[in-house]
PDB file of N, CA and C in Angstrom:
ATOM      1  N   MET A   1       0.873  -1.189  -0.005  1.00  0.00           N
ATOM      2  CA  MET A   1      -0.083  -0.090  -0.021  1.00  0.00           C
ATOM      3  C   MET A   1       0.813   1.160  -0.005  1.00  0.00           C
ATOM      4  N   THR A   2       0.563   2.164  -0.867  1.00  0.00           N
ATOM      5  CA  THR A   2       1.461   3.405  -0.985  1.00  0.00           C
ATOM      6  C   THR A   2       1.045   4.293   0.096  1.00  0.00           C
ATOM      7  N   ALA A   3       1.940   5.305   0.220  1.00  0.00           N
ATOM      8  CA  ALA A   3       1.726   6.300   1.286  1.00  0.00           C
ATOM      9  C   ALA A   3       0.541   7.220   1.090  1.00  0.00           C
ATOM     10  N   PRO A   4       0.254   7.647  -0.017  1.00  0.00           N
ATOM     11  CA  PRO A   4      -1.091   8.497  -0.203  1.00  0.00           C
ATOM     12  C   PRO A   4      -2.303   7.649   0.263  1.00  0.00           C
ATOM     13  N   LYS A   5      -2.382   6.252  -0.246  1.00  0.00           N
ATOM     14  CA  LYS A   5      -3.429   5.574   0.178  1.00  0.00           C
ATOM     15  C   LYS A   5      -3.536   5.138   1.813  1.00  0.00           C
ATOM     16  N   LEU A   6      -2.258   5.021   2.326  1.00  0.00           N
ATOM     17  CA  LEU A   6      -2.273   4.637   3.668  1.00  0.00           C
ATOM     18  C   LEU A   6      -2.560   5.676   4.597  1.00  0.00           C
ATOM     19  N   MET A   7      -2.420   6.975   4.401  1.00  0.00           N
ATOM     20  CA  MET A   7      -2.806   8.137   5.277  1.00  0.00           C
ATOM     21  C   MET A   7      -4.246   8.268   5.625  1.00  0.00           C
ATOM     22  N   PRO A   8      -5.070   8.117   4.564  1.00  0.00           N
ATOM     23  CA  PRO A   8      -6.591   8.143   4.992  1.00  0.00           C
ATOM     24  C   PRO A   8      -6.934   7.024   5.839  1.00  0.00           C
ATOM     25  N   LEU A   9      -6.354   5.955   5.482  1.00  0.00           N
ATOM     26  CA  LEU A   9      -6.700   4.753   6.471  1.00  0.00           C
ATOM     27  C   LEU A   9      -6.146   4.965   7.902  1.00  0.00           C
ATOM     28  N   ALA A  10      -5.046   5.536   7.958  1.00  0.00           N
ATOM     29  CA  ALA A  10      -4.502   5.872   9.289  1.00  0.00           C
ATOM     30  C   ALA A  10      -5.412   6.897  10.060  1.00  0.00           C
ATOM     31  N   ILE A  11      -5.722   7.972   9.361  1.00  0.00           N
ATOM     32  CA  ILE A  11      -6.604   8.908   9.858  1.00  0.00           C
ATOM     33  C   ILE A  11      -7.863   8.402  10.279  1.00  0.00           C
ATOM     34  N   GLY A  12      -8.614   7.533   9.625  1.00  0.00           N
ATOM     35  CA  GLY A  12      -9.768   6.970   9.850  1.00  0.00           C
ATOM     36  C   GLY A  12      -9.677   5.992  11.075  1.00  0.00           C
ATOM     37  N   LEU A  13      -8.658   5.008  11.149  1.00  0.00           N
ATOM     38  CA  LEU A  13      -8.569   4.287  12.245  1.00  0.00           C
ATOM     39  C   LEU A  13      -8.405   5.148  13.512  1.00  0.00           C
ATOM     40  N   PHE A  14      -7.455   6.136  13.483  1.00  0.00           N
ATOM     41  CA  PHE A  14      -7.258   6.907  14.687  1.00  0.00           C
ATOM     42  C   PHE A  14      -8.534   7.689  15.121  1.00  0.00           C
ATOM     43  N   ALA A  15      -9.264   8.188  14.201  1.00  0.00           N
ATOM     44  CA  ALA A  15     -10.487   8.906  14.504  1.00  0.00           C
ATOM     45  C   ALA A  15     -11.505   7.976  15.125  1.00  0.00           C
ATOM     46  N   VAL A  16     -11.644   6.790  14.634  1.00  0.00           N
ATOM     47  CA  VAL A  16     -12.613   5.679  15.164  1.00  0.00           C
ATOM     48  C   VAL A  16     -12.152   5.362  16.502  1.00  0.00           C
ATOM     49  N   GLY A  17     -10.787   5.230  16.854  1.00  0.00           N
ATOM     50  CA  GLY A  17     -10.380   4.806  18.129  1.00  0.00           C
ATOM     51  C   GLY A  17     -10.539   5.961  19.171  1.00  0.00           C
ATOM     52  N   VAL A  18     -10.415   7.232  18.690  1.00  0.00           N
ATOM     53  CA  VAL A  18     -10.570   8.348  19.705  1.00  0.00           C
ATOM     54  C   VAL A  18     -12.037   8.373  19.922  1.00  0.00           C
ATOM     55  N   LEU A  19     -12.885   8.242  18.979  1.00  0.00           N
ATOM     56  CA  LEU A  19     -14.430   8.039  19.260  1.00  0.00           C
ATOM     57  C   LEU A  19     -14.638   6.950  20.372  1.00  0.00           C
ATOM     58  N   ALA A  20     -14.021   5.904  20.200  1.00  0.00           N
ATOM     59  CA  ALA A  20     -14.282   4.754  21.068  1.00  0.00           C
ATOM     60  C   ALA A  20     -13.844   5.279  22.500  1.00  0.00           C
ATOM     61  N   ILE A  21     -12.675   5.881  22.532  1.00  0.00           N
ATOM     62  CA  ILE A  21     -12.207   6.359  23.779  1.00  0.00           C
ATOM     63  C   ILE A  21     -13.444   7.384  24.509  1.00  0.00           C
ATOM     64  N   VAL A  22     -13.856   8.244  23.785  1.00  0.00           N
ATOM     65  CA  VAL A  22     -14.745   9.125  24.199  1.00  0.00           C
ATOM     66  C   VAL A  22     -16.007   8.472  24.682  1.00  0.00           C
ATOM     67  N   ALA A  23     -16.357   7.367  23.816  1.00  0.00           N
ATOM     68  CA  ALA A  23     -17.633   6.593  24.369  1.00  0.00           C
ATOM     69  C   ALA A  23     -17.347   5.897  25.564  1.00  0.00           C
ATOM     70  N   VAL A  24     -16.080   5.283  25.838  1.00  0.00           N
ATOM     71  CA  VAL A  24     -15.888   4.629  27.032  1.00  0.00           C
ATOM     72  C   VAL A  24     -15.987   5.560  28.269  1.00  0.00           C
ATOM     73  N   PHE A  25     -15.418   6.790  28.075  1.00  0.00           N
ATOM     74  CA  PHE A  25     -15.458   7.860  29.150  1.00  0.00           C
ATOM     75  C   PHE A  25     -16.911   8.181  29.474  1.00  0.00           C
ATOM     76  N   VAL A  26     -17.660   8.441  28.293  1.00  0.00           N
ATOM     77  CA  VAL A  26     -19.051   8.942  28.411  1.00  0.00           C
ATOM     78  C   VAL A  26     -19.943   7.688  29.303  1.00  0.00           C
ATOM     79  N   LEU A  27     -19.840   6.655  28.819  1.00  0.00           N
ATOM     80  CA  LEU A  27     -20.494   5.427  29.394  1.00  0.00           C
ATOM     81  C   LEU A  27     -20.107   5.340  30.741  1.00  0.00           C
ATOM     82  N   PHE A  28     -18.794   5.496  31.158  1.00  0.00           N
ATOM     83  CA  PHE A  28     -18.281   5.268  32.539  1.00  0.00           C
ATOM     84  C   PHE A  28     -18.857   6.424  33.416  1.00  0.00           C
ATOM     85  N   ILE A  29     -18.958   7.734  32.909  1.00  0.00           N
ATOM     86  CA  ILE A  29     -19.561   8.781  33.639  1.00  0.00           C
ATOM     87  C   ILE A  29     -21.127   8.470  33.904  1.00  0.00           C
ATOM     88  N   ALA A  30     -21.700   7.901  32.874  1.00  0.00           N
ATOM     89  CA  ALA A  30     -23.098   7.540  32.972  1.00  0.00           C
ATOM     90  C   ALA A  30     -23.352   6.452  34.001  1.00  0.00           C
ATOM     91  N   GLY A  31     -22.371   5.833  34.492  1.00  0.00           N
ATOM     92  CA  GLY A  31     -22.486   4.748  35.370  1.00  0.00           C
ATOM     93  C   GLY A  31     -22.355   3.393  35.023  1.00  0.00           C
ATOM     94  N   TYR A  32     -22.120   3.106  33.700  1.00  0.00           N
ATOM     95  CA  TYR A  32     -21.970   1.840  33.208  1.00  0.00           C
ATOM     96  C   TYR A  32     -20.414   1.328  33.559  1.00  0.00           C
ATOM     97  N   SER A  33     -20.395   0.189  34.046  1.00  0.00           N
ATOM     98  CA  SER A  33     -19.048  -0.322  34.427  1.00  0.00           C
ATOM     99  C   SER A  33     -18.724  -1.593  33.634  1.00  0.00           C
ATOM    100  N   ASP A  34     -19.649  -2.375  33.112  1.00  0.00           N
ATOM    101  CA  ASP A  34     -19.434  -3.533  32.333  1.00  0.00           C
ATOM    102  C   ASP A  34     -19.568  -3.313  30.875  1.00  0.00           C
ATOM    103  N   LEU A  35     -18.557  -2.674  30.237  1.00  0.00           N
ATOM    104  CA  LEU A  35     -18.526  -2.325  28.889  1.00  0.00           C
ATOM    105  C   LEU A  35     -18.321  -3.572  27.964  1.00  0.00           C
ATOM    106  N   PRO A  36     -18.803  -3.454  26.636  1.00  0.00           N
ATOM    107  CA  PRO A  36     -18.519  -4.514  25.714  1.00  0.00           C
ATOM    108  C   PRO A  36     -17.046  -4.710  25.479  1.00  0.00           C
ATOM    109  N   VAL A  37     -16.582  -5.874  25.137  1.00  0.00           N
ATOM    110  CA  VAL A  37     -15.246  -6.040  25.020  1.00  0.00           C
ATOM    111  C   VAL A  37     -14.712  -5.347  23.785  1.00  0.00           C
ATOM    112  N   TRP A  38     -15.548  -5.433  22.694  1.00  0.00           N
ATOM    113  CA  TRP A  38     -15.132  -4.654  21.299  1.00  0.00           C
ATOM    114  C   TRP A  38     -14.868  -3.295  21.658  1.00  0.00           C
ATOM    115  N   LEU A  39     -15.730  -2.632  22.375  1.00  0.00           N
ATOM    116  CA  LEU A  39     -15.505  -1.191  22.574  1.00  0.00           C
ATOM    117  C   LEU A  39     -14.099  -1.017  23.336  1.00  0.00           C
ATOM    118  N   ASN A  40     -13.861  -1.808  24.348  1.00  0.00           N
ATOM    119  CA  ASN A  40     -12.514  -1.647  25.014  1.00  0.00           C
ATOM    120  C   ASN A  40     -11.363  -2.000  24.121  1.00  0.00           C
ATOM    121  N   VAL A  41     -11.520  -2.940  23.186  1.00  0.00           N
ATOM    122  CA  VAL A  41     -10.473  -3.332  22.349  1.00  0.00           C
ATOM    123  C   VAL A  41     -10.256  -2.186  21.256  1.00  0.00           C
ATOM    124  N   ALA A  42     -11.356  -1.591  20.737  1.00  0.00           N
ATOM    125  CA  ALA A  42     -11.288  -0.429  19.908  1.00  0.00           C
ATOM    126  C   ALA A  42     -10.659   0.703  20.468  1.00  0.00           C
ATOM    127  N   ALA A  43     -11.003   1.026  21.783  1.00  0.00           N
ATOM    128  CA  ALA A  43     -10.439   2.158  22.344  1.00  0.00           C
ATOM    129  C   ALA A  43      -8.898   1.920  22.667  1.00  0.00           C
ATOM    130  N   THR A  44      -8.566   0.693  22.841  1.00  0.00           N
ATOM    131  CA  THR A  44      -7.105   0.428  23.124  1.00  0.00           C
ATOM    132  C   THR A  44      -6.184   0.361  21.972  1.00  0.00           C
ATOM    133  N   TYR A  45      -6.666  -0.287  20.961  1.00  0.00           N
ATOM    134  CA  TYR A  45      -5.798  -0.584  19.849  1.00  0.00           C
ATOM    135  C   TYR A  45      -5.936   0.214  18.592  1.00  0.00           C
ATOM    136  N   LEU A  46      -7.121   0.689  18.294  1.00  0.00           N
ATOM    137  CA  LEU A  46      -7.172   1.656  16.992  1.00  0.00           C
ATOM    138  C   LEU A  46      -6.469   2.792  17.027  1.00  0.00           C
ATOM    139  N   PRO A  47      -6.429   3.719  18.087  1.00  0.00           N
ATOM    140  CA  PRO A  47      -5.686   4.824  18.078  1.00  0.00           C
ATOM    141  C   PRO A  47      -4.168   4.508  17.748  1.00  0.00           C
ATOM    142  N   ALA A  48      -3.600   3.489  18.475  1.00  0.00           N
ATOM    143  CA  ALA A  48      -2.250   3.226  18.403  1.00  0.00           C
ATOM    144  C   ALA A  48      -1.963   2.636  16.895  1.00  0.00           C
ATOM    145  N   VAL A  49      -2.787   1.807  16.303  1.00  0.00           N
ATOM    146  CA  VAL A  49      -2.601   1.300  14.985  1.00  0.00           C
ATOM    147  C   VAL A  49      -2.733   2.492  13.991  1.00  0.00           C
ATOM    148  N   GLY A  50      -3.738   3.292  14.279  1.00  0.00           N
ATOM    149  CA  GLY A  50      -3.785   4.607  13.348  1.00  0.00           C
ATOM    150  C   GLY A  50      -2.545   5.508  13.257  1.00  0.00           C
ATOM    151  N   LEU A  51      -2.111   5.756  14.532  1.00  0.00           N
ATOM    152  CA  LEU A  51      -0.811   6.551  14.633  1.00  0.00           C
ATOM    153  C   LEU A  51       0.412   5.844  14.031  1.00  0.00           C
ATOM    154  N   GLY A  52       0.436   4.626  14.259  1.00  0.00           N
ATOM    155  CA  GLY A  52       1.585   3.775  13.671  1.00  0.00           C
ATOM    156  C   GLY A  52       1.491   3.755  12.252  1.00  0.00           C
ATOM    157  N   LEU A  53       0.378   3.677  11.638  1.00  0.00           N
ATOM    158  CA  LEU A  53       0.172   3.768  10.148  1.00  0.00           C
ATOM    159  C   LEU A  53       0.603   5.088   9.582  1.00  0.00           C
ATOM    160  N   GLY A  54       0.007   6.030  10.395  1.00  0.00           N
ATOM    161  CA  GLY A  54       0.250   7.561  10.016  1.00  0.00           C
ATOM    162  C   GLY A  54       1.860   7.840   9.931  1.00  0.00           C
ATOM    163  N   ILE A  55       2.529   7.342  10.886  1.00  0.00           N
ATOM    164  CA  ILE A  55       4.036   7.624  10.888  1.00  0.00           C
ATOM    165  C   ILE A  55       4.675   6.906   9.807  1.00  0.00           C
ATOM    166  N   ILE A  56       4.324   5.589   9.552  1.00  0.00           N
ATOM    167  CA  ILE A  56       4.782   4.920   8.409  1.00  0.00           C
ATOM    168  C   ILE A  56       4.571   5.634   7.159  1.00  0.00           C
ATOM    169  N   ALA A  57       3.342   6.190   6.998  1.00  0.00           N
ATOM    170  CA  ALA A  57       2.894   6.800   5.650  1.00  0.00           C
ATOM    171  C   ALA A  57       3.769   8.027   5.430  1.00  0.00           C
ATOM    172  N   VAL A  58       4.081   8.845   6.477  1.00  0.00           N
ATOM    173  CA  VAL A  58       4.756  10.210   6.454  1.00  0.00           C
ATOM    174  C   VAL A  58       6.319   9.709   6.152  1.00  0.00           C
ATOM    175  N   ILE A  59       6.785   8.609   6.801  1.00  0.00           N
ATOM    176  CA  ILE A  59       8.163   8.343   6.446  1.00  0.00           C
ATOM    177  C   ILE A  59       8.410   7.787   5.075  1.00  0.00           C
ATOM    178  N   ARG A  60       7.421   7.025   4.520  1.00  0.00           N
ATOM    179  CA  ARG A  60       7.489   6.492   3.192  1.00  0.00           C
ATOM    180  C   ARG A  60       7.360   7.713   2.188  1.00  0.00           C
ATOM    181  N   LYS A  61       6.361   8.714   2.386  1.00  0.00           N
ATOM    182  CA  LYS A  61       6.326   9.886   1.507  1.00  0.00           C
ATOM    183  C   LYS A  61       7.666  10.732   1.589  1.00  0.00           C
ATOM    184  N   ALA A  62       8.229  10.843   2.642  1.00  0.00           N
ATOM    185  CA  ALA A  62       9.605  11.572   2.826  1.00  0.00           C
ATOM    186  C   ALA A  62      10.640  10.953   1.972  1.00  0.00           C
ATOM    187  N   ARG A  63      10.612   9.576   2.127  1.00  0.00           N
ATOM    188  CA  ARG A  63      11.749   8.979   1.446  1.00  0.00           C
ATOM    189  C   ARG A  63      11.441   8.874  -0.115  1.00  0.00           C
ATOM    190  N   GLN A  64      10.203   9.011  -0.499  1.00  0.00           N
ATOM    191  CA  GLN A  64       9.909   8.952  -1.977  1.00  0.00           C
ATOM    192  C   GLN A  64      10.370  10.267  -2.442  1.00  0.00           C
ATOM    193  N   LYS A  65      10.083  11.460  -1.774  1.00  0.00           N
ATOM    194  CA  LYS A  65      10.550  12.787  -2.260  1.00  0.00           C
ATOM    195  C   LYS A  65      12.031  12.963  -2.299  1.00  0.00           C
ATOM    196  N   LYS A  66      12.783  12.155  -1.492  1.00  0.00           N
ATOM    197  CA  LYS A  66      14.273  12.293  -1.474  1.00  0.00           C
ATOM    198  C   LYS A  66      14.969  11.673  -2.669  1.00  0.00           C
ATOM    199  N   SER A  67      14.392  10.603  -3.049  1.00  0.00           N
ATOM    200  CA  SER A  67      15.112   9.915  -4.184  1.00  0.00           C
ATOM    201  C   SER A  67      14.662  10.335  -5.545  1.00  0.00           C
TER     202      SER A  67
END
């Protein structure tokens, strides 16, 4: 996957992960303590995966411009 195609995917994954984090906090404030596993997994891993893919896309784009 090339860098221009990778960046929108990274932004999307990061945004969904941040929304999951917000949802976890809102539900916790509302008094829910037994949250679904998929929501916890999304809040834990999606922002990290999105950030990692974004860094990879930026590095790949910078290396393409150098050569």
